[in-house]
Amino acid sequence: MEDAVNGIRGEAAVILAGETRKVCLTLGALAEIETALGTVGVEGLAARMRNLCANDLMVVLAALLRGGGEDGLAQTLARSQIGVDEAAAAIVAGFEASV
């Protein structure tokens, strides 16, 4: 990884397709997720996150990767070899690091 993870900023290091990547729940990523999932506010987002489909997982993961500065990977996410468990773990790490 080019840059070290900044825990104070809420960044987390995750393994995706065998490589260490950085995710971060920024305000921009949160807004992107809310818009893509059609939710308003944290409570609405929390309820919606309980029932994510595969496309939703990709949207949320891509937003968290962009928040972590991983723009290139976010753009090619759909073609990568990232498993569902891997994606879910990365999303959890991104949200947990923001607390």
PDB file of N, CA and C in Angstrom:
ATOM      1  N   MET A   1       0.851  -1.172   0.000  1.00  0.00           N
ATOM      2  CA  MET A   1       0.000   0.000   0.000  1.00  0.00           C
ATOM      3  C   MET A   1       0.891   1.228   0.000  1.00  0.00           C
ATOM      4  N   GLU A   2       0.549   2.164  -0.858  1.00  0.00           N
ATOM      5  CA  GLU A   2       1.363   3.359  -1.037  1.00  0.00           C
ATOM      6  C   GLU A   2       1.358   4.253   0.203  1.00  0.00           C
ATOM      7  N   ASP A   3       0.179   4.528   0.754  1.00  0.00           N
ATOM      8  CA  ASP A   3       0.057   5.382   1.930  1.00  0.00           C
ATOM      9  C   ASP A   3      -0.312   4.537   3.139  1.00  0.00           C
ATOM     10  N   ALA A   4       0.189   4.955   4.302  1.00  0.00           N
ATOM     11  CA  ALA A   4      -0.164   4.264   5.534  1.00  0.00           C
ATOM     12  C   ALA A   4      -1.617   4.572   5.888  1.00  0.00           C
ATOM     13  N   VAL A   5      -2.240   3.657   6.581  1.00  0.00           N
ATOM     14  CA  VAL A   5      -3.620   3.851   7.020  1.00  0.00           C
ATOM     15  C   VAL A   5      -3.640   4.855   8.159  1.00  0.00           C
ATOM     16  N   ASN A   6      -4.557   5.809   8.089  1.00  0.00           N
ATOM     17  CA  ASN A   6      -4.709   6.837   9.107  1.00  0.00           C
ATOM     18  C   ASN A   6      -5.954   6.532   9.929  1.00  0.00           C
ATOM     19  N   GLY A   7      -5.760   5.876  11.070  1.00  0.00           N
ATOM     20  CA  GLY A   7      -6.879   5.497  11.919  1.00  0.00           C
ATOM     21  C   GLY A   7      -7.634   6.684  12.477  1.00  0.00           C
ATOM     22  N   ILE A   8      -6.950   7.794  12.686  1.00  0.00           N
ATOM     23  CA  ILE A   8      -7.603   8.994  13.203  1.00  0.00           C
ATOM     24  C   ILE A   8      -8.621   9.517  12.188  1.00  0.00           C
ATOM     25  N   ARG A   9      -8.318   9.368  10.921  1.00  0.00           N
ATOM     26  CA  ARG A   9      -9.227   9.790   9.841  1.00  0.00           C
ATOM     27  C   ARG A   9     -10.357   8.778   9.642  1.00  0.00           C
ATOM     28  N   GLY A  10     -10.230   7.596  10.224  1.00  0.00           N
ATOM     29  CA  GLY A  10     -11.249   6.569  10.083  1.00  0.00           C
ATOM     30  C   GLY A  10     -10.972   5.593   8.960  1.00  0.00           C
ATOM     31  N   GLU A  11      -9.717   5.524   8.526  1.00  0.00           N
ATOM     32  CA  GLU A  11      -9.347   4.601   7.461  1.00  0.00           C
ATOM     33  C   GLU A  11      -9.106   3.207   8.039  1.00  0.00           C
ATOM     34  N   ALA A  12      -9.338   2.191   7.210  1.00  0.00           N
ATOM     35  CA  ALA A  12      -9.060   0.807   7.602  1.00  0.00           C
ATOM     36  C   ALA A  12      -8.395   0.101   6.439  1.00  0.00           C
ATOM     37  N   ALA A  13      -7.457  -0.775   6.761  1.00  0.00           N
ATOM     38  CA  ALA A  13      -6.805  -1.604   5.750  1.00  0.00           C
ATOM     39  C   ALA A  13      -7.612  -2.889   5.614  1.00  0.00           C
ATOM     40  N   VAL A  14      -7.901  -3.269   4.375  1.00  0.00           N
ATOM     41  CA  VAL A  14      -8.657  -4.499   4.095  1.00  0.00           C
ATOM     42  C   VAL A  14      -7.949  -5.278   3.000  1.00  0.00           C
ATOM     43  N   ILE A  15      -8.209  -6.567   2.950  1.00  0.00           N
ATOM     44  CA  ILE A  15      -7.658  -7.414   1.898  1.00  0.00           C
ATOM     45  C   ILE A  15      -8.757  -7.663   0.874  1.00  0.00           C
ATOM     46  N   LEU A  16      -8.526  -7.262  -0.358  1.00  0.00           N
ATOM     47  CA  LEU A  16      -9.470  -7.482  -1.453  1.00  0.00           C
ATOM     48  C   LEU A  16      -8.716  -8.090  -2.621  1.00  0.00           C
ATOM     49  N   ALA A  17      -9.180  -9.218  -3.089  1.00  0.00           N
ATOM     50  CA  ALA A  17      -8.538  -9.926  -4.205  1.00  0.00           C
ATOM     51  C   ALA A  17      -7.048 -10.128  -3.939  1.00  0.00           C
ATOM     52  N   GLY A  18      -6.717 -10.428  -2.679  1.00  0.00           N
ATOM     53  CA  GLY A  18      -5.343 -10.732  -2.307  1.00  0.00           C
ATOM     54  C   GLY A  18      -4.441  -9.536  -2.101  1.00  0.00           C
ATOM     55  N   GLU A  19      -4.967  -8.327  -2.194  1.00  0.00           N
ATOM     56  CA  GLU A  19      -4.156  -7.118  -2.006  1.00  0.00           C
ATOM     57  C   GLU A  19      -4.707  -6.258  -0.883  1.00  0.00           C
ATOM     58  N   THR A  20      -3.806  -5.614  -0.157  1.00  0.00           N
ATOM     59  CA  THR A  20      -4.227  -4.702   0.902  1.00  0.00           C
ATOM     60  C   THR A  20      -4.687  -3.393   0.280  1.00  0.00           C
ATOM     61  N   ARG A  21      -5.889  -2.987   0.660  1.00  0.00           N
ATOM     62  CA  ARG A  21      -6.493  -1.745   0.171  1.00  0.00           C
ATOM     63  C   ARG A  21      -6.970  -0.927   1.357  1.00  0.00           C
ATOM     64  N   LYS A  22      -7.310   0.324   1.086  1.00  0.00           N
ATOM     65  CA  LYS A  22      -7.748   1.235   2.129  1.00  0.00           C
ATOM     66  C   LYS A  22      -9.206   1.633   1.885  1.00  0.00           C
ATOM     67  N   VAL A  23     -10.029   1.553   2.940  1.00  0.00           N
ATOM     68  CA  VAL A  23     -11.411   2.020   2.879  1.00  0.00           C
ATOM     69  C   VAL A  23     -11.608   3.093   3.935  1.00  0.00           C
ATOM     70  N   CYS A  24     -12.552   4.004   3.666  1.00  0.00           N
ATOM     71  CA  CYS A  24     -12.828   5.071   4.621  1.00  0.00           C
ATOM     72  C   CYS A  24     -14.245   5.595   4.396  1.00  0.00           C
ATOM     73  N   LEU A  25     -15.004   5.693   5.478  1.00  0.00           N
ATOM     74  CA  LEU A  25     -16.350   6.240   5.408  1.00  0.00           C
ATOM     75  C   LEU A  25     -16.265   7.754   5.577  1.00  0.00           C
ATOM     76  N   THR A  26     -16.054   8.443   4.475  1.00  0.00           N
ATOM     77  CA  THR A  26     -16.027   9.904   4.489  1.00  0.00           C
ATOM     78  C   THR A  26     -17.452  10.429   4.364  1.00  0.00           C
ATOM     79  N   LEU A  27     -17.624  11.719   4.554  1.00  0.00           N
ATOM     80  CA  LEU A  27     -18.941  12.326   4.379  1.00  0.00           C
ATOM     81  C   LEU A  27     -19.412  12.149   2.935  1.00  0.00           C
ATOM     82  N   GLY A  28     -18.482  12.286   1.986  1.00  0.00           N
ATOM     83  CA  GLY A  28     -18.813  12.084   0.578  1.00  0.00           C
ATOM     84  C   GLY A  28     -19.239  10.654   0.301  1.00  0.00           C
ATOM     85  N   ALA A  29     -18.531   9.686   0.893  1.00  0.00           N
ATOM     86  CA  ALA A  29     -18.889   8.276   0.711  1.00  0.00           C
ATOM     87  C   ALA A  29     -20.255   7.995   1.313  1.00  0.00           C
ATOM     88  N   LEU A  30     -20.523   8.571   2.469  1.00  0.00           N
ATOM     89  CA  LEU A  30     -21.814   8.380   3.117  1.00  0.00           C
ATOM     90  C   LEU A  30     -22.943   8.944   2.257  1.00  0.00           C
ATOM     91  N   ALA A  31     -22.744  10.126   1.725  1.00  0.00           N
ATOM     92  CA  ALA A  31     -23.754  10.734   0.848  1.00  0.00           C
ATOM     93  C   ALA A  31     -23.965   9.891  -0.406  1.00  0.00           C
ATOM     94  N   GLU A  32     -22.877   9.385  -0.969  1.00  0.00           N
ATOM     95  CA  GLU A  32     -22.958   8.529  -2.156  1.00  0.00           C
ATOM     96  C   GLU A  32     -23.751   7.253  -1.857  1.00  0.00           C
ATOM     97  N   ILE A  33     -23.496   6.661  -0.712  1.00  0.00           N
ATOM     98  CA  ILE A  33     -24.191   5.436  -0.312  1.00  0.00           C
ATOM     99  C   ILE A  33     -25.676   5.711  -0.091  1.00  0.00           C
ATOM    100  N   GLU A  34     -25.990   6.787   0.640  1.00  0.00           N
ATOM    101  CA  GLU A  34     -27.391   7.141   0.884  1.00  0.00           C
ATOM    102  C   GLU A  34     -28.144   7.338  -0.435  1.00  0.00           C
ATOM    103  N   THR A  35     -27.528   8.055  -1.358  1.00  0.00           N
ATOM    104  CA  THR A  35     -28.168   8.321  -2.643  1.00  0.00           C
ATOM    105  C   THR A  35     -28.372   7.030  -3.437  1.00  0.00           C
ATOM    106  N   ALA A  36     -27.334   6.222  -3.511  1.00  0.00           N
ATOM    107  CA  ALA A  36     -27.415   4.985  -4.294  1.00  0.00           C
ATOM    108  C   ALA A  36     -28.437   4.008  -3.721  1.00  0.00           C
ATOM    109  N   LEU A  37     -28.566   3.973  -2.395  1.00  0.00           N
ATOM    110  CA  LEU A  37     -29.498   3.039  -1.767  1.00  0.00           C
ATOM    111  C   LEU A  37     -30.877   3.647  -1.543  1.00  0.00           C
ATOM    112  N   GLY A  38     -31.037   4.932  -1.896  1.00  0.00           N
ATOM    113  CA  GLY A  38     -32.337   5.584  -1.774  1.00  0.00           C
ATOM    114  C   GLY A  38     -32.783   5.790  -0.341  1.00  0.00           C
ATOM    115  N   THR A  39     -31.842   6.130   0.525  1.00  0.00           N
ATOM    116  CA  THR A  39     -32.173   6.344   1.935  1.00  0.00           C
ATOM    117  C   THR A  39     -31.939   7.792   2.330  1.00  0.00           C
ATOM    118  N   VAL A  40     -32.553   8.166   3.458  1.00  0.00           N
ATOM    119  CA  VAL A  40     -32.345   9.496   4.013  1.00  0.00           C
ATOM    120  C   VAL A  40     -31.993   9.323   5.483  1.00  0.00           C
ATOM    121  N   GLY A  41     -30.846   9.823   5.874  1.00  0.00           N
ATOM    122  CA  GLY A  41     -30.443   9.779   7.270  1.00  0.00           C
ATOM    123  C   GLY A  41     -29.838   8.455   7.694  1.00  0.00           C
ATOM    124  N   VAL A  42     -29.237   8.488   8.866  1.00  0.00           N
ATOM    125  CA  VAL A  42     -28.513   7.338   9.390  1.00  0.00           C
ATOM    126  C   VAL A  42     -29.462   6.189   9.721  1.00  0.00           C
ATOM    127  N   GLU A  43     -30.621   6.484  10.290  1.00  0.00           N
ATOM    128  CA  GLU A  43     -31.563   5.420  10.638  1.00  0.00           C
ATOM    129  C   GLU A  43     -32.070   4.703   9.390  1.00  0.00           C
ATOM    130  N   GLY A  44     -32.400   5.473   8.354  1.00  0.00           N
ATOM    131  CA  GLY A  44     -32.846   4.873   7.102  1.00  0.00           C
ATOM    132  C   GLY A  44     -31.759   4.027   6.467  1.00  0.00           C
ATOM    133  N   LEU A  45     -30.531   4.521   6.525  1.00  0.00           N
ATOM    134  CA  LEU A  45     -29.401   3.781   5.967  1.00  0.00           C
ATOM    135  C   LEU A  45     -29.161   2.492   6.752  1.00  0.00           C
ATOM    136  N   ALA A  46     -29.228   2.564   8.075  1.00  0.00           N
ATOM    137  CA  ALA A  46     -29.022   1.380   8.903  1.00  0.00           C
ATOM    138  C   ALA A  46     -30.058   0.305   8.581  1.00  0.00           C
ATOM    139  N   ALA A  47     -31.306   0.703   8.425  1.00  0.00           N
ATOM    140  CA  ALA A  47     -32.360  -0.258   8.092  1.00  0.00           C
ATOM    141  C   ALA A  47     -32.113  -0.876   6.719  1.00  0.00           C
ATOM    142  N   ARG A  48     -31.713  -0.068   5.764  1.00  0.00           N
ATOM    143  CA  ARG A  48     -31.480  -0.542   4.390  1.00  0.00           C
ATOM    144  C   ARG A  48     -30.262  -1.456   4.317  1.00  0.00           C
ATOM    145  N   MET A  49     -29.257  -1.188   5.133  1.00  0.00           N
ATOM    146  CA  MET A  49     -28.019  -1.985   5.119  1.00  0.00           C
ATOM    147  C   MET A  49     -28.251  -3.407   5.636  1.00  0.00           C
ATOM    148  N   ARG A  50     -29.348  -3.638   6.331  1.00  0.00           N
ATOM    149  CA  ARG A  50     -29.638  -4.988   6.826  1.00  0.00           C
ATOM    150  C   ARG A  50     -30.041  -5.940   5.715  1.00  0.00           C
ATOM    151  N   ASN A  51     -30.420  -5.420   4.554  1.00  0.00           N
ATOM    152  CA  ASN A  51     -30.911  -6.248   3.453  1.00  0.00           C
ATOM    153  C   ASN A  51     -30.262  -5.869   2.131  1.00  0.00           C
ATOM    154  N   LEU A  52     -28.945  -5.954   2.058  1.00  0.00           N
ATOM    155  CA  LEU A  52     -28.231  -5.578   0.839  1.00  0.00           C
ATOM    156  C   LEU A  52     -28.224  -6.724  -0.171  1.00  0.00           C
ATOM    157  N   CYS A  53     -28.410  -6.365  -1.433  1.00  0.00           N
ATOM    158  CA  CYS A  53     -28.234  -7.341  -2.512  1.00  0.00           C
ATOM    159  C   CYS A  53     -26.786  -7.208  -3.011  1.00  0.00           C
ATOM    160  N   ALA A  54     -26.413  -8.040  -3.959  1.00  0.00           N
ATOM    161  CA  ALA A  54     -25.032  -8.029  -4.468  1.00  0.00           C
ATOM    162  C   ALA A  54     -24.673  -6.673  -5.062  1.00  0.00           C
ATOM    163  N   ASN A  55     -25.574  -6.067  -5.816  1.00  0.00           N
ATOM    164  CA  ASN A  55     -25.301  -4.760  -6.401  1.00  0.00           C
ATOM    165  C   ASN A  55     -25.081  -3.712  -5.312  1.00  0.00           C
ATOM    166  N   ASP A  56     -25.893  -3.779  -4.256  1.00  0.00           N
ATOM    167  CA  ASP A  56     -25.730  -2.848  -3.141  1.00  0.00           C
ATOM    168  C   ASP A  56     -24.359  -2.999  -2.491  1.00  0.00           C
ATOM    169  N   LEU A  57     -23.916  -4.251  -2.323  1.00  0.00           N
ATOM    170  CA  LEU A  57     -22.582  -4.490  -1.755  1.00  0.00           C
ATOM    171  C   LEU A  57     -21.515  -3.788  -2.580  1.00  0.00           C
ATOM    172  N   MET A  58     -21.621  -3.919  -3.899  1.00  0.00           N
ATOM    173  CA  MET A  58     -20.636  -3.301  -4.792  1.00  0.00           C
ATOM    174  C   MET A  58     -20.672  -1.771  -4.684  1.00  0.00           C
ATOM    175  N   VAL A  59     -21.866  -1.206  -4.596  1.00  0.00           N
ATOM    176  CA  VAL A  59     -22.013   0.249  -4.490  1.00  0.00           C
ATOM    177  C   VAL A  59     -21.378   0.753  -3.201  1.00  0.00           C
ATOM    178  N   VAL A  60     -21.691   0.084  -2.097  1.00  0.00           N
ATOM    179  CA  VAL A  60     -21.163   0.507  -0.795  1.00  0.00           C
ATOM    180  C   VAL A  60     -19.650   0.342  -0.751  1.00  0.00           C
ATOM    181  N   LEU A  61     -19.163  -0.794  -1.224  1.00  0.00           N
ATOM    182  CA  LEU A  61     -17.715  -1.031  -1.221  1.00  0.00           C
ATOM    183  C   LEU A  61     -16.987  -0.024  -2.097  1.00  0.00           C
ATOM    184  N   ALA A  62     -17.522   0.262  -3.261  1.00  0.00           N
ATOM    185  CA  ALA A  62     -16.886   1.241  -4.151  1.00  0.00           C
ATOM    186  C   ALA A  62     -16.818   2.616  -3.501  1.00  0.00           C
ATOM    187  N   ALA A  63     -17.880   3.026  -2.817  1.00  0.00           N
ATOM    188  CA  ALA A  63     -17.889   4.332  -2.143  1.00  0.00           C
ATOM    189  C   ALA A  63     -16.845   4.374  -1.028  1.00  0.00           C
ATOM    190  N   LEU A  64     -16.736   3.287  -0.257  1.00  0.00           N
ATOM    191  CA  LEU A  64     -15.743   3.231   0.820  1.00  0.00           C
ATOM    192  C   LEU A  64     -14.318   3.232   0.266  1.00  0.00           C
ATOM    193  N   LEU A  65     -14.112   2.549  -0.849  1.00  0.00           N
ATOM    194  CA  LEU A  65     -12.785   2.549  -1.489  1.00  0.00           C
ATOM    195  C   LEU A  65     -12.428   3.942  -1.990  1.00  0.00           C
ATOM    196  N   ARG A  66     -13.388   4.619  -2.617  1.00  0.00           N
ATOM    197  CA  ARG A  66     -13.127   5.996  -3.065  1.00  0.00           C
ATOM    198  C   ARG A  66     -12.801   6.884  -1.879  1.00  0.00           C
ATOM    199  N   GLY A  67     -13.527   6.700  -0.771  1.00  0.00           N
ATOM    200  CA  GLY A  67     -13.254   7.466   0.450  1.00  0.00           C
ATOM    201  C   GLY A  67     -11.846   7.226   0.961  1.00  0.00           C
ATOM    202  N   GLY A  68     -11.330   6.026   0.728  1.00  0.00           N
ATOM    203  CA  GLY A  68      -9.968   5.685   1.149  1.00  0.00           C
ATOM    204  C   GLY A  68      -8.911   6.042   0.117  1.00  0.00           C
ATOM    205  N   GLY A  69      -9.325   6.664  -0.994  1.00  0.00           N
ATOM    206  CA  GLY A  69      -8.371   7.068  -2.024  1.00  0.00           C
ATOM    207  C   GLY A  69      -8.075   5.994  -3.047  1.00  0.00           C
ATOM    208  N   GLU A  70      -8.867   4.936  -3.067  1.00  0.00           N
ATOM    209  CA  GLU A  70      -8.660   3.815  -3.993  1.00  0.00           C
ATOM    210  C   GLU A  70      -9.556   3.964  -5.227  1.00  0.00           C
ATOM    211  N   ASP A  71      -9.492   5.082  -5.892  1.00  0.00           N
ATOM    212  CA  ASP A  71     -10.360   5.360  -7.034  1.00  0.00           C
ATOM    213  C   ASP A  71     -10.224   4.329  -8.152  1.00  0.00           C
ATOM    214  N   GLY A  72      -9.016   3.944  -8.478  1.00  0.00           N
ATOM    215  CA  GLY A  72      -8.790   3.005  -9.573  1.00  0.00           C
ATOM    216  C   GLY A  72      -9.449   1.663  -9.326  1.00  0.00           C
ATOM    217  N   LEU A  73      -9.348   1.152  -8.106  1.00  0.00           N
ATOM    218  CA  LEU A  73      -9.954  -0.133  -7.789  1.00  0.00           C
ATOM    219  C   LEU A  73     -11.470  -0.012  -7.775  1.00  0.00           C
ATOM    220  N   ALA A  74     -11.989   1.091  -7.293  1.00  0.00           N
ATOM    221  CA  ALA A  74     -13.438   1.272  -7.251  1.00  0.00           C
ATOM    222  C   ALA A  74     -14.029   1.207  -8.652  1.00  0.00           C
ATOM    223  N   GLN A  75     -13.321   1.725  -9.638  1.00  0.00           N
ATOM    224  CA  GLN A  75     -13.822   1.731 -11.009  1.00  0.00           C
ATOM    225  C   GLN A  75     -13.818   0.347 -11.634  1.00  0.00           C
ATOM    226  N   THR A  76     -12.922  -0.519 -11.215  1.00  0.00           N
ATOM    227  CA  THR A  76     -12.826  -1.855 -11.814  1.00  0.00           C
ATOM    228  C   THR A  76     -13.379  -2.941 -10.898  1.00  0.00           C
ATOM    229  N   LEU A  77     -14.106  -2.551  -9.891  1.00  0.00           N
ATOM    230  CA  LEU A  77     -14.606  -3.474  -8.889  1.00  0.00           C
ATOM    231  C   LEU A  77     -15.452  -4.595  -9.486  1.00  0.00           C
ATOM    232  N   ALA A  78     -16.307  -4.283 -10.412  1.00  0.00           N
ATOM    233  CA  ALA A  78     -17.222  -5.285 -10.976  1.00  0.00           C
ATOM    234  C   ALA A  78     -16.472  -6.401 -11.700  1.00  0.00           C
ATOM    235  N   ARG A  79     -15.288  -6.122 -12.209  1.00  0.00           N
ATOM    236  CA  ARG A  79     -14.526  -7.137 -12.947  1.00  0.00           C
ATOM    237  C   ARG A  79     -13.526  -7.871 -12.071  1.00  0.00           C
ATOM    238  N   SER A  80     -13.419  -7.511 -10.817  1.00  0.00           N
ATOM    239  CA  SER A  80     -12.399  -8.104  -9.952  1.00  0.00           C
ATOM    240  C   SER A  80     -12.892  -9.417  -9.349  1.00  0.00           C
ATOM    241  N   GLN A  81     -11.995 -10.122  -8.744  1.00  0.00           N
ATOM    242  CA  GLN A  81     -12.275 -11.421  -8.136  1.00  0.00           C
ATOM    243  C   GLN A  81     -12.492 -11.268  -6.631  1.00  0.00           C
ATOM    244  N   ILE A  82     -13.380 -10.383  -6.246  1.00  0.00           N
ATOM    245  CA  ILE A  82     -13.667 -10.145  -4.832  1.00  0.00           C
ATOM    246  C   ILE A  82     -14.886 -10.976  -4.442  1.00  0.00           C
ATOM    247  N   GLY A  83     -14.722 -11.793  -3.404  1.00  0.00           N
ATOM    248  CA  GLY A  83     -15.819 -12.625  -2.931  1.00  0.00           C
ATOM    249  C   GLY A  83     -16.785 -11.850  -2.056  1.00  0.00           C
ATOM    250  N   VAL A  84     -17.983 -12.418  -1.883  1.00  0.00           N
ATOM    251  CA  VAL A  84     -19.013 -11.780  -1.068  1.00  0.00           C
ATOM    252  C   VAL A  84     -18.536 -11.594   0.369  1.00  0.00           C
ATOM    253  N   ASP A  85     -17.924 -12.627   0.938  1.00  0.00           N
ATOM    254  CA  ASP A  85     -17.430 -12.523   2.317  1.00  0.00           C
ATOM    255  C   ASP A  85     -16.369 -11.445   2.448  1.00  0.00           C
ATOM    256  N   GLU A  86     -15.496 -11.374   1.450  1.00  0.00           N
ATOM    257  CA  GLU A  86     -14.423 -10.372   1.426  1.00  0.00           C
ATOM    258  C   GLU A  86     -15.019  -8.964   1.357  1.00  0.00           C
ATOM    259  N   ALA A  87     -15.998  -8.776   0.482  1.00  0.00           N
ATOM    260  CA  ALA A  87     -16.646  -7.470   0.327  1.00  0.00           C
ATOM    261  C   ALA A  87     -17.360  -7.075   1.608  1.00  0.00           C
ATOM    262  N   ALA A  88     -18.099  -8.011   2.189  1.00  0.00           N
ATOM    263  CA  ALA A  88     -18.830  -7.723   3.422  1.00  0.00           C
ATOM    264  C   ALA A  88     -17.873  -7.363   4.560  1.00  0.00           C
ATOM    265  N   ALA A  89     -16.770  -8.096   4.685  1.00  0.00           N
ATOM    266  CA  ALA A  89     -15.787  -7.803   5.736  1.00  0.00           C
ATOM    267  C   ALA A  89     -15.161  -6.426   5.545  1.00  0.00           C
ATOM    268  N   ALA A  90     -14.899  -6.043   4.305  1.00  0.00           N
ATOM    269  CA  ALA A  90     -14.328  -4.724   4.018  1.00  0.00           C
ATOM    270  C   ALA A  90     -15.316  -3.616   4.372  1.00  0.00           C
ATOM    271  N   ILE A  91     -16.583  -3.846   4.086  1.00  0.00           N
ATOM    272  CA  ILE A  91     -17.610  -2.850   4.412  1.00  0.00           C
ATOM    273  C   ILE A  91     -17.724  -2.689   5.924  1.00  0.00           C
ATOM    274  N   VAL A  92     -17.749  -3.795   6.638  1.00  0.00           N
ATOM    275  CA  VAL A  92     -17.819  -3.746   8.102  1.00  0.00           C
ATOM    276  C   VAL A  92     -16.611  -2.997   8.656  1.00  0.00           C
ATOM    277  N   ALA A  93     -15.428  -3.294   8.143  1.00  0.00           N
ATOM    278  CA  ALA A  93     -14.205  -2.615   8.601  1.00  0.00           C
ATOM    279  C   ALA A  93     -14.287  -1.124   8.355  1.00  0.00           C
ATOM    280  N   GLY A  94     -14.801  -0.730   7.198  1.00  0.00           N
ATOM    281  CA  GLY A  94     -14.929   0.692   6.872  1.00  0.00           C
ATOM    282  C   GLY A  94     -15.856   1.429   7.814  1.00  0.00           C
ATOM    283  N   PHE A  95     -16.989   0.799   8.138  1.00  0.00           N
ATOM    284  CA  PHE A  95     -17.927   1.435   9.053  1.00  0.00           C
ATOM    285  C   PHE A  95     -17.399   1.427  10.485  1.00  0.00           C
ATOM    286  N   GLU A  96     -16.793   0.330  10.908  1.00  0.00           N
ATOM    287  CA  GLU A  96     -16.265   0.252  12.279  1.00  0.00           C
ATOM    288  C   GLU A  96     -15.135   1.250  12.501  1.00  0.00           C
ATOM    289  N   ALA A  97     -14.304   1.478  11.500  1.00  0.00           N
ATOM    290  CA  ALA A  97     -13.180   2.416  11.651  1.00  0.00           C
ATOM    291  C   ALA A  97     -13.650   3.851  11.783  1.00  0.00           C
ATOM    292  N   SER A  98     -14.877   4.123  11.335  1.00  0.00           N
ATOM    293  CA  SER A  98     -15.368   5.504  11.369  1.00  0.00           C
ATOM    294  C   SER A  98     -15.928   5.889  12.729  1.00  0.00           C
ATOM    295  N   VAL A  99     -16.066   4.927  13.611  1.00  0.00           N
ATOM    296  CA  VAL A  99     -16.680   5.208  14.921  1.00  0.00           C
ATOM    297  C   VAL A  99     -15.661   5.718  15.900  1.00  0.00           C
TER     298      VAL A  99
END
